[in-house]
PDB file of N, CA and C in Angstrom:
ATOM      1  N   UNK A   1       8.330  -3.667  18.506  1.00  0.00           N
ATOM      2  CA  UNK A   1       7.386  -2.738  17.995  1.00  0.00           C
ATOM      3  C   UNK A   1       7.826  -1.173  17.926  1.00  0.00           C
ATOM      4  N   UNK A   2       7.046  -0.817  16.832  1.00  0.00           N
ATOM      5  CA  UNK A   2       7.499   0.912  16.701  1.00  0.00           C
ATOM      6  C   UNK A   2       6.742   1.487  17.593  1.00  0.00           C
ATOM      7  N   UNK A   3       6.629   2.887  17.771  1.00  0.00           N
ATOM      8  CA  UNK A   3       5.780   3.839  17.769  1.00  0.00           C
ATOM      9  C   UNK A   3       5.068   4.045  16.725  1.00  0.00           C
ATOM     10  N   UNK A   4       3.363   4.214  17.373  1.00  0.00           N
ATOM     11  CA  UNK A   4       2.455   4.362  16.756  1.00  0.00           C
ATOM     12  C   UNK A   4       2.080   5.753  15.252  1.00  0.00           C
ATOM     13  N   UNK A   5       1.919   5.413  14.107  1.00  0.00           N
ATOM     14  CA  UNK A   5       3.150   5.988  13.091  1.00  0.00           C
ATOM     15  C   UNK A   5       1.970   7.119  13.511  1.00  0.00           C
ATOM     16  N   UNK A   6       2.586   8.670  12.894  1.00  0.00           N
ATOM     17  CA  UNK A   6       1.592   9.893  12.756  1.00  0.00           C
ATOM     18  C   UNK A   6       1.178  10.229  11.730  1.00  0.00           C
ATOM     19  N   UNK A   7      -0.332  10.370  12.288  1.00  0.00           N
ATOM     20  CA  UNK A   7      -1.633  10.816  11.171  1.00  0.00           C
ATOM     21  C   UNK A   7      -1.240  12.160  10.760  1.00  0.00           C
ATOM     22  N   UNK A   8      -0.825  11.833   9.311  1.00  0.00           N
ATOM     23  CA  UNK A   8      -1.187  12.990   8.460  1.00  0.00           C
ATOM     24  C   UNK A   8      -2.632  12.732   7.642  1.00  0.00           C
ATOM     25  N   UNK A   9      -2.937  14.850   7.844  1.00  0.00           N
ATOM     26  CA  UNK A   9      -4.528  14.816   7.197  1.00  0.00           C
ATOM     27  C   UNK A   9      -4.227  15.179   5.960  1.00  0.00           C
ATOM     28  N   UNK A  10      -3.388  15.676   5.583  1.00  0.00           N
ATOM     29  CA  UNK A  10      -3.718  16.161   4.119  1.00  0.00           C
ATOM     30  C   UNK A  10      -1.962  16.430   3.686  1.00  0.00           C
ATOM     31  N   UNK A  11      -1.437  15.916   2.097  1.00  0.00           N
ATOM     32  CA  UNK A  11      -0.311  16.492   1.655  1.00  0.00           C
ATOM     33  C   UNK A  11      -0.490  17.036   0.331  1.00  0.00           C
ATOM     34  N   UNK A  12       0.042  18.094   0.068  1.00  0.00           N
ATOM     35  CA  UNK A  12       0.061  18.473  -1.578  1.00  0.00           C
ATOM     36  C   UNK A  12       1.033  17.663  -2.355  1.00  0.00           C
ATOM     37  N   UNK A  13       0.835  17.395  -3.499  1.00  0.00           N
ATOM     38  CA  UNK A  13       1.760  16.877  -4.657  1.00  0.00           C
ATOM     39  C   UNK A  13       1.464  17.368  -5.939  1.00  0.00           C
ATOM     40  N   UNK A  14       2.208  18.212  -6.821  1.00  0.00           N
ATOM     41  CA  UNK A  14       1.887  19.110  -7.826  1.00  0.00           C
ATOM     42  C   UNK A  14       0.545  19.315  -7.883  1.00  0.00           C
ATOM     43  N   UNK A  15       0.381  20.317  -6.563  1.00  0.00           N
ATOM     44  CA  UNK A  15      -0.629  21.144  -6.908  1.00  0.00           C
ATOM     45  C   UNK A  15      -1.561  20.849  -6.721  1.00  0.00           C
ATOM     46  N   UNK A  16      -1.928  19.291  -6.071  1.00  0.00           N
ATOM     47  CA  UNK A  16      -3.307  18.886  -5.751  1.00  0.00           C
ATOM     48  C   UNK A  16      -3.149  18.154  -4.326  1.00  0.00           C
ATOM     49  N   UNK A  17      -4.413  18.422  -3.393  1.00  0.00           N
ATOM     50  CA  UNK A  17      -4.449  18.503  -2.017  1.00  0.00           C
ATOM     51  C   UNK A  17      -5.017  17.244  -1.808  1.00  0.00           C
ATOM     52  N   UNK A  18      -4.307  16.002  -1.094  1.00  0.00           N
ATOM     53  CA  UNK A  18      -4.539  14.607  -0.965  1.00  0.00           C
ATOM     54  C   UNK A  18      -5.153  14.290   0.471  1.00  0.00           C
ATOM     55  N   UNK A  19      -5.944  13.885   0.669  1.00  0.00           N
ATOM     56  CA  UNK A  19      -5.973  13.214   2.124  1.00  0.00           C
ATOM     57  C   UNK A  19      -6.523  11.878   1.731  1.00  0.00           C
ATOM     58  N   UNK A  20      -7.007  11.407   3.150  1.00  0.00           N
ATOM     59  CA  UNK A  20      -7.418   9.697   3.195  1.00  0.00           C
ATOM     60  C   UNK A  20      -8.641   9.952   2.258  1.00  0.00           C
ATOM     61  N   UNK A  21      -9.783  10.658   2.846  1.00  0.00           N
ATOM     62  CA  UNK A  21     -11.084  10.587   2.009  1.00  0.00           C
ATOM     63  C   UNK A  21     -10.355  10.334   0.184  1.00  0.00           C
ATOM     64  N   UNK A  22      -9.562  11.321  -0.115  1.00  0.00           N
ATOM     65  CA  UNK A  22      -9.542  11.361  -1.728  1.00  0.00           C
ATOM     66  C   UNK A  22      -8.988  10.259  -2.261  1.00  0.00           C
ATOM     67  N   UNK A  23      -7.554   9.587  -1.248  1.00  0.00           N
ATOM     68  CA  UNK A  23      -6.806   8.501  -1.631  1.00  0.00           C
ATOM     69  C   UNK A  23      -8.240   7.398  -2.130  1.00  0.00           C
ATOM     70  N   UNK A  24      -8.852   7.230  -0.603  1.00  0.00           N
ATOM     71  CA  UNK A  24      -9.937   6.348  -1.080  1.00  0.00           C
ATOM     72  C   UNK A  24     -10.854   6.391  -2.276  1.00  0.00           C
ATOM     73  N   UNK A  25     -11.229   7.450  -2.646  1.00  0.00           N
ATOM     74  CA  UNK A  25     -12.317   7.511  -3.552  1.00  0.00           C
ATOM     75  C   UNK A  25     -11.195   7.190  -4.647  1.00  0.00           C
ATOM     76  N   UNK A  26     -10.174   7.900  -4.973  1.00  0.00           N
ATOM     77  CA  UNK A  26      -9.164   7.557  -6.147  1.00  0.00           C
ATOM     78  C   UNK A  26      -8.838   5.827  -6.455  1.00  0.00           C
ATOM     79  N   UNK A  27      -8.464   5.153  -5.382  1.00  0.00           N
ATOM     80  CA  UNK A  27      -8.404   3.665  -5.383  1.00  0.00           C
ATOM     81  C   UNK A  27      -9.606   2.808  -5.754  1.00  0.00           C
ATOM     82  N   UNK A  28     -10.980   3.454  -5.339  1.00  0.00           N
ATOM     83  CA  UNK A  28     -12.144   3.138  -5.851  1.00  0.00           C
ATOM     84  C   UNK A  28     -12.545   3.385  -7.341  1.00  0.00           C
ATOM     85  N   UNK A  29     -11.707   4.038  -8.172  1.00  0.00           N
ATOM     86  CA  UNK A  29     -12.277   4.491  -9.007  1.00  0.00           C
ATOM     87  C   UNK A  29     -11.252   4.353 -10.207  1.00  0.00           C
ATOM     88  N   UNK A  30     -10.171   4.039 -10.058  1.00  0.00           N
ATOM     89  CA  UNK A  30      -9.005   4.035 -10.840  1.00  0.00           C
ATOM     90  C   UNK A  30      -8.174   2.835 -10.462  1.00  0.00           C
ATOM     91  N   UNK A  31      -7.936   2.159 -11.644  1.00  0.00           N
ATOM     92  CA  UNK A  31      -7.200   0.805 -11.527  1.00  0.00           C
ATOM     93  C   UNK A  31      -5.468   1.390 -11.316  1.00  0.00           C
ATOM     94  N   UNK A  32      -5.413   1.781 -12.151  1.00  0.00           N
ATOM     95  CA  UNK A  32      -3.859   2.137 -11.803  1.00  0.00           C
ATOM     96  C   UNK A  32      -3.755   2.693 -10.356  1.00  0.00           C
ATOM     97  N   UNK A  33      -4.310   3.328  -9.702  1.00  0.00           N
ATOM     98  CA  UNK A  33      -4.066   3.812  -8.532  1.00  0.00           C
ATOM     99  C   UNK A  33      -3.973   2.687  -7.672  1.00  0.00           C
ATOM    100  N   UNK A  34      -4.645   1.822  -7.918  1.00  0.00           N
ATOM    101  CA  UNK A  34      -4.725   0.820  -6.945  1.00  0.00           C
ATOM    102  C   UNK A  34      -3.514  -0.360  -7.233  1.00  0.00           C
ATOM    103  N   UNK A  35      -3.180  -0.353  -8.492  1.00  0.00           N
ATOM    104  CA  UNK A  35      -1.408  -0.809  -8.764  1.00  0.00           C
ATOM    105  C   UNK A  35      -0.311  -0.034  -8.248  1.00  0.00           C
ATOM    106  N   UNK A  36      -0.755   1.322  -8.488  1.00  0.00           N
ATOM    107  CA  UNK A  36       0.525   2.065  -7.920  1.00  0.00           C
ATOM    108  C   UNK A  36       0.553   1.841  -6.249  1.00  0.00           C
ATOM    109  N   UNK A  37      -0.641   2.127  -5.453  1.00  0.00           N
ATOM    110  CA  UNK A  37      -0.485   2.032  -4.110  1.00  0.00           C
ATOM    111  C   UNK A  37       0.283   0.342  -3.721  1.00  0.00           C
ATOM    112  N   UNK A  38      -0.519  -0.589  -4.250  1.00  0.00           N
ATOM    113  CA  UNK A  38       0.080  -1.572  -4.160  1.00  0.00           C
ATOM    114  C   UNK A  38       1.256  -2.110  -3.888  1.00  0.00           C
ATOM    115  N   UNK A  39       1.900  -1.784  -5.369  1.00  0.00           N
ATOM    116  CA  UNK A  39       3.666  -1.398  -5.473  1.00  0.00           C
ATOM    117  C   UNK A  39       4.286  -0.772  -4.501  1.00  0.00           C
ATOM    118  N   UNK A  40       3.750   0.252  -4.191  1.00  0.00           N
ATOM    119  CA  UNK A  40       4.174   1.395  -3.180  1.00  0.00           C
ATOM    120  C   UNK A  40       4.430   0.635  -1.727  1.00  0.00           C
ATOM    121  N   UNK A  41       2.873   0.397  -0.957  1.00  0.00           N
ATOM    122  CA  UNK A  41       3.044  -0.401   0.283  1.00  0.00           C
ATOM    123  C   UNK A  41       3.884  -2.029  -0.431  1.00  0.00           C
ATOM    124  N   UNK A  42       4.018  -2.637  -0.839  1.00  0.00           N
ATOM    125  CA  UNK A  42       4.751  -4.140  -0.928  1.00  0.00           C
ATOM    126  C   UNK A  42       6.305  -3.647  -0.606  1.00  0.00           C
ATOM    127  N   UNK A  43       6.887  -2.487  -1.315  1.00  0.00           N
ATOM    128  CA  UNK A  43       7.923  -1.857  -1.051  1.00  0.00           C
ATOM    129  C   UNK A  43       8.202  -1.543   0.776  1.00  0.00           C
ATOM    130  N   UNK A  44       7.327  -1.491   1.277  1.00  0.00           N
ATOM    131  CA  UNK A  44       7.524  -1.276   2.324  1.00  0.00           C
ATOM    132  C   UNK A  44       7.453  -2.570   3.186  1.00  0.00           C
ATOM    133  N   UNK A  45       7.065  -3.578   2.730  1.00  0.00           N
ATOM    134  CA  UNK A  45       7.609  -5.037   3.379  1.00  0.00           C
ATOM    135  C   UNK A  45       8.994  -5.328   3.521  1.00  0.00           C
ATOM    136  N   UNK A  46       9.702  -5.908   4.640  1.00  0.00           N
ATOM    137  CA  UNK A  46      10.819  -5.929   4.268  1.00  0.00           C
ATOM    138  C   UNK A  46      11.337  -7.079   3.447  1.00  0.00           C
ATOM    139  N   UNK A  47      12.415  -7.332   3.340  1.00  0.00           N
ATOM    140  CA  UNK A  47      12.890  -8.178   2.045  1.00  0.00           C
ATOM    141  C   UNK A  47      12.253  -9.823   2.523  1.00  0.00           C
ATOM    142  N   UNK A  48      12.700  -9.917   3.918  1.00  0.00           N
ATOM    143  CA  UNK A  48      11.938 -11.456   3.939  1.00  0.00           C
ATOM    144  C   UNK A  48      10.151 -11.499   4.625  1.00  0.00           C
ATOM    145  N   UNK A  49       9.657 -10.295   4.318  1.00  0.00           N
ATOM    146  CA  UNK A  49       8.520 -10.404   4.355  1.00  0.00           C
ATOM    147  C   UNK A  49       8.017 -10.556   2.900  1.00  0.00           C
ATOM    148  N   UNK A  50       8.730 -10.139   2.164  1.00  0.00           N
ATOM    149  CA  UNK A  50       8.700 -10.368   0.901  1.00  0.00           C
ATOM    150  C   UNK A  50       8.537 -11.794   0.283  1.00  0.00           C
ATOM    151  N   UNK A  51       9.864 -12.307   0.287  1.00  0.00           N
ATOM    152  CA  UNK A  51      10.199 -13.637   0.200  1.00  0.00           C
ATOM    153  C   UNK A  51       9.105 -14.717   0.925  1.00  0.00           C
ATOM    154  N   UNK A  52       8.655 -14.402   2.342  1.00  0.00           N
ATOM    155  CA  UNK A  52       7.920 -15.487   2.760  1.00  0.00           C
ATOM    156  C   UNK A  52       6.470 -14.921   2.822  1.00  0.00           C
ATOM    157  N   UNK A  53       6.266 -13.948   2.257  1.00  0.00           N
ATOM    158  CA  UNK A  53       4.577 -13.830   1.519  1.00  0.00           C
ATOM    159  C   UNK A  53       3.889 -13.678   2.789  1.00  0.00           C
ATOM    160  N   UNK A  54       4.295 -13.161   3.887  1.00  0.00           N
ATOM    161  CA  UNK A  54       4.016 -12.673   5.109  1.00  0.00           C
ATOM    162  C   UNK A  54       4.392 -11.348   6.043  1.00  0.00           C
ATOM    163  N   UNK A  55       3.482 -11.071   6.565  1.00  0.00           N
ATOM    164  CA  UNK A  55       3.747 -10.251   7.752  1.00  0.00           C
ATOM    165  C   UNK A  55       4.911 -10.826   9.060  1.00  0.00           C
ATOM    166  N   UNK A  56       6.239 -10.194   9.324  1.00  0.00           N
ATOM    167  CA  UNK A  56       6.782 -10.824  10.553  1.00  0.00           C
ATOM    168  C   UNK A  56       6.650  -9.853  11.618  1.00  0.00           C
ATOM    169  N   UNK A  57       6.572  -8.761  11.411  1.00  0.00           N
ATOM    170  CA  UNK A  57       7.142  -7.855  12.290  1.00  0.00           C
ATOM    171  C   UNK A  57       5.500  -6.767  12.473  1.00  0.00           C
ATOM    172  N   UNK A  58       5.570  -6.132  13.626  1.00  0.00           N
ATOM    173  CA  UNK A  58       4.716  -5.692  13.982  1.00  0.00           C
ATOM    174  C   UNK A  58       5.447  -3.914  13.788  1.00  0.00           C
ATOM    175  N   UNK A  59       5.477  -3.095  12.529  1.00  0.00           N
ATOM    176  CA  UNK A  59       6.305  -2.236  12.631  1.00  0.00           C
ATOM    177  C   UNK A  59       5.457  -0.681  11.830  1.00  0.00           C
ATOM    178  N   UNK A  60       4.203  -1.269  11.320  1.00  0.00           N
ATOM    179  CA  UNK A  60       3.204  -0.211  11.094  1.00  0.00           C
ATOM    180  C   UNK A  60       3.332   0.352   9.798  1.00  0.00           C
ATOM    181  N   UNK A  61       4.266  -0.737   8.640  1.00  0.00           N
ATOM    182  CA  UNK A  61       4.757  -0.423   7.542  1.00  0.00           C
ATOM    183  C   UNK A  61       3.857  -1.591   6.679  1.00  0.00           C
ATOM    184  N   UNK A  62       3.745  -1.548   5.000  1.00  0.00           N
ATOM    185  CA  UNK A  62       3.493  -2.670   4.706  1.00  0.00           C
ATOM    186  C   UNK A  62       1.976  -3.136   4.572  1.00  0.00           C
ATOM    187  N   UNK A  63       1.726  -4.448   4.372  1.00  0.00           N
ATOM    188  CA  UNK A  63       0.922  -4.881   4.162  1.00  0.00           C
ATOM    189  C   UNK A  63       0.797  -5.683   5.806  1.00  0.00           C
ATOM    190  N   UNK A  64      -0.627  -5.698   6.248  1.00  0.00           N
ATOM    191  CA  UNK A  64      -0.964  -6.416   7.631  1.00  0.00           C
ATOM    192  C   UNK A  64      -0.812  -7.723   7.692  1.00  0.00           C
ATOM    193  N   UNK A  65      -0.951  -8.576   8.844  1.00  0.00           N
ATOM    194  CA  UNK A  65      -0.584  -9.748   8.793  1.00  0.00           C
ATOM    195  C   UNK A  65      -1.940 -10.440   7.837  1.00  0.00           C
ATOM    196  N   UNK A  66      -2.836 -10.414   7.340  1.00  0.00           N
ATOM    197  CA  UNK A  66      -3.818 -10.799   6.901  1.00  0.00           C
ATOM    198  C   UNK A  66      -4.034 -10.361   5.404  1.00  0.00           C
ATOM    199  N   UNK A  67      -3.435  -9.635   4.900  1.00  0.00           N
ATOM    200  CA  UNK A  67      -3.143  -9.363   3.796  1.00  0.00           C
ATOM    201  C   UNK A  67      -1.822  -9.496   3.076  1.00  0.00           C
ATOM    202  N   UNK A  68      -0.891  -9.784   3.619  1.00  0.00           N
ATOM    203  CA  UNK A  68       0.323  -9.848   3.044  1.00  0.00           C
ATOM    204  C   UNK A  68       0.718 -11.109   1.922  1.00  0.00           C
ATOM    205  N   UNK A  69       0.001 -12.115   2.415  1.00  0.00           N
ATOM    206  CA  UNK A  69       0.175 -13.195   1.168  1.00  0.00           C
ATOM    207  C   UNK A  69      -0.693 -13.149   0.225  1.00  0.00           C
ATOM    208  N   UNK A  70      -2.113 -12.889  -0.012  1.00  0.00           N
ATOM    209  CA  UNK A  70      -2.471 -12.625  -0.950  1.00  0.00           C
ATOM    210  C   UNK A  70      -2.155 -10.865  -1.858  1.00  0.00           C
ATOM    211  N   UNK A  71      -2.203 -10.148  -1.229  1.00  0.00           N
ATOM    212  CA  UNK A  71      -1.365  -8.780  -1.847  1.00  0.00           C
ATOM    213  C   UNK A  71       0.232  -9.109  -2.576  1.00  0.00           C
ATOM    214  N   UNK A  72       0.710  -9.893  -1.897  1.00  0.00           N
ATOM    215  CA  UNK A  72       2.178 -10.400  -2.223  1.00  0.00           C
ATOM    216  C   UNK A  72       2.468 -10.589  -3.254  1.00  0.00           C
ATOM    217  N   UNK A  73       1.278 -11.811  -3.571  1.00  0.00           N
ATOM    218  CA  UNK A  73       1.037 -12.703  -4.594  1.00  0.00           C
ATOM    219  C   UNK A  73       0.744 -11.919  -5.695  1.00  0.00           C
ATOM    220  N   UNK A  74      -0.211 -11.019  -5.196  1.00  0.00           N
ATOM    221  CA  UNK A  74      -1.042  -9.674  -6.598  1.00  0.00           C
ATOM    222  C   UNK A  74       0.458  -9.001  -6.897  1.00  0.00           C
ATOM    223  N   UNK A  75       1.319  -8.686  -6.329  1.00  0.00           N
ATOM    224  CA  UNK A  75       2.402  -7.882  -6.840  1.00  0.00           C
ATOM    225  C   UNK A  75       3.442  -8.680  -7.490  1.00  0.00           C
ATOM    226  N   UNK A  76       3.420 -10.151  -6.824  1.00  0.00           N
ATOM    227  CA  UNK A  76       4.602 -10.792  -8.086  1.00  0.00           C
ATOM    228  C   UNK A  76       3.767 -10.828  -9.335  1.00  0.00           C
ATOM    229  N   UNK A  77       2.628 -11.411  -9.095  1.00  0.00           N
ATOM    230  CA  UNK A  77       2.048 -11.620 -10.486  1.00  0.00           C
ATOM    231  C   UNK A  77       1.895 -10.529 -11.688  1.00  0.00           C
ATOM    232  N   UNK A  78       1.873  -8.950 -10.818  1.00  0.00           N
ATOM    233  CA  UNK A  78       1.816  -7.970 -11.978  1.00  0.00           C
ATOM    234  C   UNK A  78       3.257  -7.998 -12.065  1.00  0.00           C
ATOM    235  N   UNK A  79       3.938  -7.846 -11.652  1.00  0.00           N
ATOM    236  CA  UNK A  79       5.337  -7.791 -12.136  1.00  0.00           C
ATOM    237  C   UNK A  79       6.022  -8.490 -12.822  1.00  0.00           C
ATOM    238  N   UNK A  80       5.369 -10.082 -12.973  1.00  0.00           N
ATOM    239  CA  UNK A  80       5.363 -10.799 -13.849  1.00  0.00           C
ATOM    240  C   UNK A  80       5.021 -10.392 -15.202  1.00  0.00           C
ATOM    241  N   UNK A  81       3.674 -10.444 -14.735  1.00  0.00           N
ATOM    242  CA  UNK A  81       2.345 -10.595 -16.266  1.00  0.00           C
ATOM    243  C   UNK A  81       2.197  -9.003 -16.622  1.00  0.00           C
ATOM    244  N   UNK A  82       2.331  -7.845 -15.592  1.00  0.00           N
ATOM    245  CA  UNK A  82       2.311  -6.437 -16.244  1.00  0.00           C
ATOM    246  C   UNK A  82       0.239  -5.907 -16.379  1.00  0.00           C
ATOM    247  N   UNK A  83      -0.805  -7.286 -15.488  1.00  0.00           N
ATOM    248  CA  UNK A  83      -1.914  -7.098 -15.241  1.00  0.00           C
ATOM    249  C   UNK A  83      -2.157  -7.752 -14.391  1.00  0.00           C
ATOM    250  N   UNK A  84      -3.294  -7.332 -14.178  1.00  0.00           N
ATOM    251  CA  UNK A  84      -3.949  -8.114 -12.915  1.00  0.00           C
ATOM    252  C   UNK A  84      -5.595  -8.609 -13.560  1.00  0.00           C
ATOM    253  N   UNK A  85      -5.550  -9.670 -12.916  1.00  0.00           N
ATOM    254  CA  UNK A  85      -7.171  -9.951 -13.920  1.00  0.00           C
ATOM    255  C   UNK A  85      -8.373  -9.308 -13.267  1.00  0.00           C
ATOM    256  N   UNK A  86      -9.575  -9.699 -13.631  1.00  0.00           N
ATOM    257  CA  UNK A  86     -10.510  -8.688 -13.444  1.00  0.00           C
ATOM    258  C   UNK A  86     -10.953  -9.003 -11.983  1.00  0.00           C
ATOM    259  N   UNK A  87     -10.983 -10.296 -11.553  1.00  0.00           N
ATOM    260  CA  UNK A  87     -11.258 -10.871 -10.079  1.00  0.00           C
ATOM    261  C   UNK A  87      -9.739 -10.314  -8.968  1.00  0.00           C
ATOM    262  N   UNK A  88      -8.364 -10.401  -9.307  1.00  0.00           N
ATOM    263  CA  UNK A  88      -7.383  -9.528  -8.716  1.00  0.00           C
ATOM    264  C   UNK A  88      -7.968  -8.428  -8.319  1.00  0.00           C
ATOM    265  N   UNK A  89      -8.162  -7.404  -9.149  1.00  0.00           N
ATOM    266  CA  UNK A  89      -8.620  -6.149  -9.368  1.00  0.00           C
ATOM    267  C   UNK A  89      -9.698  -6.109  -8.373  1.00  0.00           C
ATOM    268  N   UNK A  90     -10.227  -6.313  -8.454  1.00  0.00           N
ATOM    269  CA  UNK A  90     -11.329  -6.403  -7.351  1.00  0.00           C
ATOM    270  C   UNK A  90     -11.004  -6.723  -5.966  1.00  0.00           C
ATOM    271  N   UNK A  91     -10.263  -7.533  -5.914  1.00  0.00           N
ATOM    272  CA  UNK A  91     -10.142  -7.943  -4.419  1.00  0.00           C
ATOM    273  C   UNK A  91      -8.841  -7.076  -3.970  1.00  0.00           C
ATOM    274  N   UNK A  92      -7.960  -6.443  -4.840  1.00  0.00           N
ATOM    275  CA  UNK A  92      -7.195  -5.505  -4.583  1.00  0.00           C
ATOM    276  C   UNK A  92      -7.288  -4.006  -4.282  1.00  0.00           C
ATOM    277  N   UNK A  93      -8.430  -3.888  -5.444  1.00  0.00           N
ATOM    278  CA  UNK A  93      -8.951  -2.784  -4.679  1.00  0.00           C
ATOM    279  C   UNK A  93      -9.852  -2.336  -3.565  1.00  0.00           C
ATOM    280  N   UNK A  94     -10.681  -3.483  -2.748  1.00  0.00           N
ATOM    281  CA  UNK A  94     -10.922  -3.567  -1.683  1.00  0.00           C
ATOM    282  C   UNK A  94     -10.297  -3.426  -0.672  1.00  0.00           C
ATOM    283  N   UNK A  95      -8.641  -4.596  -0.838  1.00  0.00           N
ATOM    284  CA  UNK A  95      -7.864  -4.257   0.177  1.00  0.00           C
ATOM    285  C   UNK A  95      -7.146  -2.739   0.258  1.00  0.00           C
ATOM    286  N   UNK A  96      -6.758  -2.255  -1.076  1.00  0.00           N
ATOM    287  CA  UNK A  96      -5.787  -0.789  -0.974  1.00  0.00           C
ATOM    288  C   UNK A  96      -6.817   0.163  -0.176  1.00  0.00           C
ATOM    289  N   UNK A  97      -8.121   0.044  -0.596  1.00  0.00           N
ATOM    290  CA  UNK A  97      -8.888   1.019   0.476  1.00  0.00           C
ATOM    291  C   UNK A  97      -8.028   1.226   1.680  1.00  0.00           C
ATOM    292  N   UNK A  98      -7.927   0.242   2.304  1.00  0.00           N
ATOM    293  CA  UNK A  98      -7.456   0.055   4.026  1.00  0.00           C
ATOM    294  C   UNK A  98      -6.130   1.082   3.863  1.00  0.00           C
ATOM    295  N   UNK A  99      -5.368   0.826   2.959  1.00  0.00           N
ATOM    296  CA  UNK A  99      -4.222   1.131   3.219  1.00  0.00           C
ATOM    297  C   UNK A  99      -3.710   2.892   2.783  1.00  0.00           C
ATOM    298  N   UNK A 100      -5.045   3.658   2.404  1.00  0.00           N
ATOM    299  CA  UNK A 100      -4.995   4.966   2.374  1.00  0.00           C
ATOM    300  C   UNK A 100      -4.193   5.568   3.161  1.00  0.00           C
ATOM    301  N   UNK A 101      -4.490   5.704   4.291  1.00  0.00           N
ATOM    302  CA  UNK A 101      -3.513   6.436   5.382  1.00  0.00           C
ATOM    303  C   UNK A 101      -1.949   5.743   5.315  1.00  0.00           C
ATOM    304  N   UNK A 102      -1.682   5.105   5.042  1.00  0.00           N
ATOM    305  CA  UNK A 102      -0.007   4.874   4.556  1.00  0.00           C
ATOM    306  C   UNK A 102       0.079   5.304   3.565  1.00  0.00           C
ATOM    307  N   UNK A 103      -0.292   5.245   2.903  1.00  0.00           N
ATOM    308  CA  UNK A 103       0.241   5.867   1.338  1.00  0.00           C
ATOM    309  C   UNK A 103       0.175   7.547   1.446  1.00  0.00           C
ATOM    310  N   UNK A 104      -0.764   7.885   2.589  1.00  0.00           N
ATOM    311  CA  UNK A 104      -0.871   9.350   2.892  1.00  0.00           C
ATOM    312  C   UNK A 104       0.626   9.607   3.259  1.00  0.00           C
ATOM    313  N   UNK A 105       0.623   8.856   4.397  1.00  0.00           N
ATOM    314  CA  UNK A 105       2.309   9.338   5.245  1.00  0.00           C
ATOM    315  C   UNK A 105       3.452   8.866   4.071  1.00  0.00           C
ATOM    316  N   UNK A 106       3.534   8.193   3.234  1.00  0.00           N
ATOM    317  CA  UNK A 106       4.536   7.682   2.084  1.00  0.00           C
ATOM    318  C   UNK A 106       4.545   9.085   1.484  1.00  0.00           C
ATOM    319  N   UNK A 107       3.461   9.452   0.906  1.00  0.00           N
ATOM    320  CA  UNK A 107       3.185  10.830   0.301  1.00  0.00           C
ATOM    321  C   UNK A 107       3.578  12.071   1.395  1.00  0.00           C
ATOM    322  N   UNK A 108       3.325  12.344   1.951  1.00  0.00           N
ATOM    323  CA  UNK A 108       4.123  13.250   2.955  1.00  0.00           C
ATOM    324  C   UNK A 108       5.810  13.158   3.538  1.00  0.00           C
ATOM    325  N   UNK A 109       6.059  12.093   3.015  1.00  0.00           N
ATOM    326  CA  UNK A 109       7.787  11.668   3.478  1.00  0.00           C
ATOM    327  C   UNK A 109       7.719  11.102   4.823  1.00  0.00           C
ATOM    328  N   UNK A 110       6.441  11.139   5.467  1.00  0.00           N
ATOM    329  CA  UNK A 110       6.503  10.618   6.988  1.00  0.00           C
ATOM    330  C   UNK A 110       6.953   9.205   7.456  1.00  0.00           C
ATOM    331  N   UNK A 111       6.755   8.479   6.186  1.00  0.00           N
ATOM    332  CA  UNK A 111       6.888   7.110   6.449  1.00  0.00           C
ATOM    333  C   UNK A 111       8.277   6.543   5.513  1.00  0.00           C
ATOM    334  N   UNK A 112       9.087   6.459   6.109  1.00  0.00           N
ATOM    335  CA  UNK A 112      10.871   6.250   4.897  1.00  0.00           C
ATOM    336  C   UNK A 112      10.951   4.372   5.222  1.00  0.00           C
ATOM    337  N   UNK A 113      12.090   4.163   4.405  1.00  0.00           N
ATOM    338  CA  UNK A 113      12.612   2.954   4.262  1.00  0.00           C
ATOM    339  C   UNK A 113      13.227   2.812   5.776  1.00  0.00           C
ATOM    340  N   UNK A 114      13.663   3.876   6.430  1.00  0.00           N
ATOM    341  CA  UNK A 114      14.079   3.285   8.039  1.00  0.00           C
ATOM    342  C   UNK A 114      12.995   3.083   9.009  1.00  0.00           C
ATOM    343  N   UNK A 115      11.549   3.005   8.761  1.00  0.00           N
ATOM    344  CA  UNK A 115      10.701   2.681   9.624  1.00  0.00           C
ATOM    345  C   UNK A 115      10.797   0.811   9.794  1.00  0.00           C
ATOM    346  N   UNK A 116      11.210   0.286   8.557  1.00  0.00           N
ATOM    347  CA  UNK A 116      11.168  -1.087   7.898  1.00  0.00           C
ATOM    348  C   UNK A 116      11.814  -1.942   9.711  1.00  0.00           C
TER     349      UNK A 116
END
């Protein structure tokens, strides 16, 4: 198990300051943010986790054990079809709000591929 991830309070990207709360609001209101966030978090699943559609390691990156199966299936669906159904989007949006902190760490460069 790795150390607890560093808390990031805010990060500036292209002149916009992002916080966990502002990312949560973006995810709640923007379908593209849901998709981009979902794809980004999926990148942090290890290769074997991606293949198995589950979480194998307690490494504080990627989807949680509860979300790994459904979110991995949504990512694969999106990669094949280039859309999510309205029901998939509704579920993904609710789940992705929980990943705002991890997305902020990624944006800040505090979470890297080496963390896997």
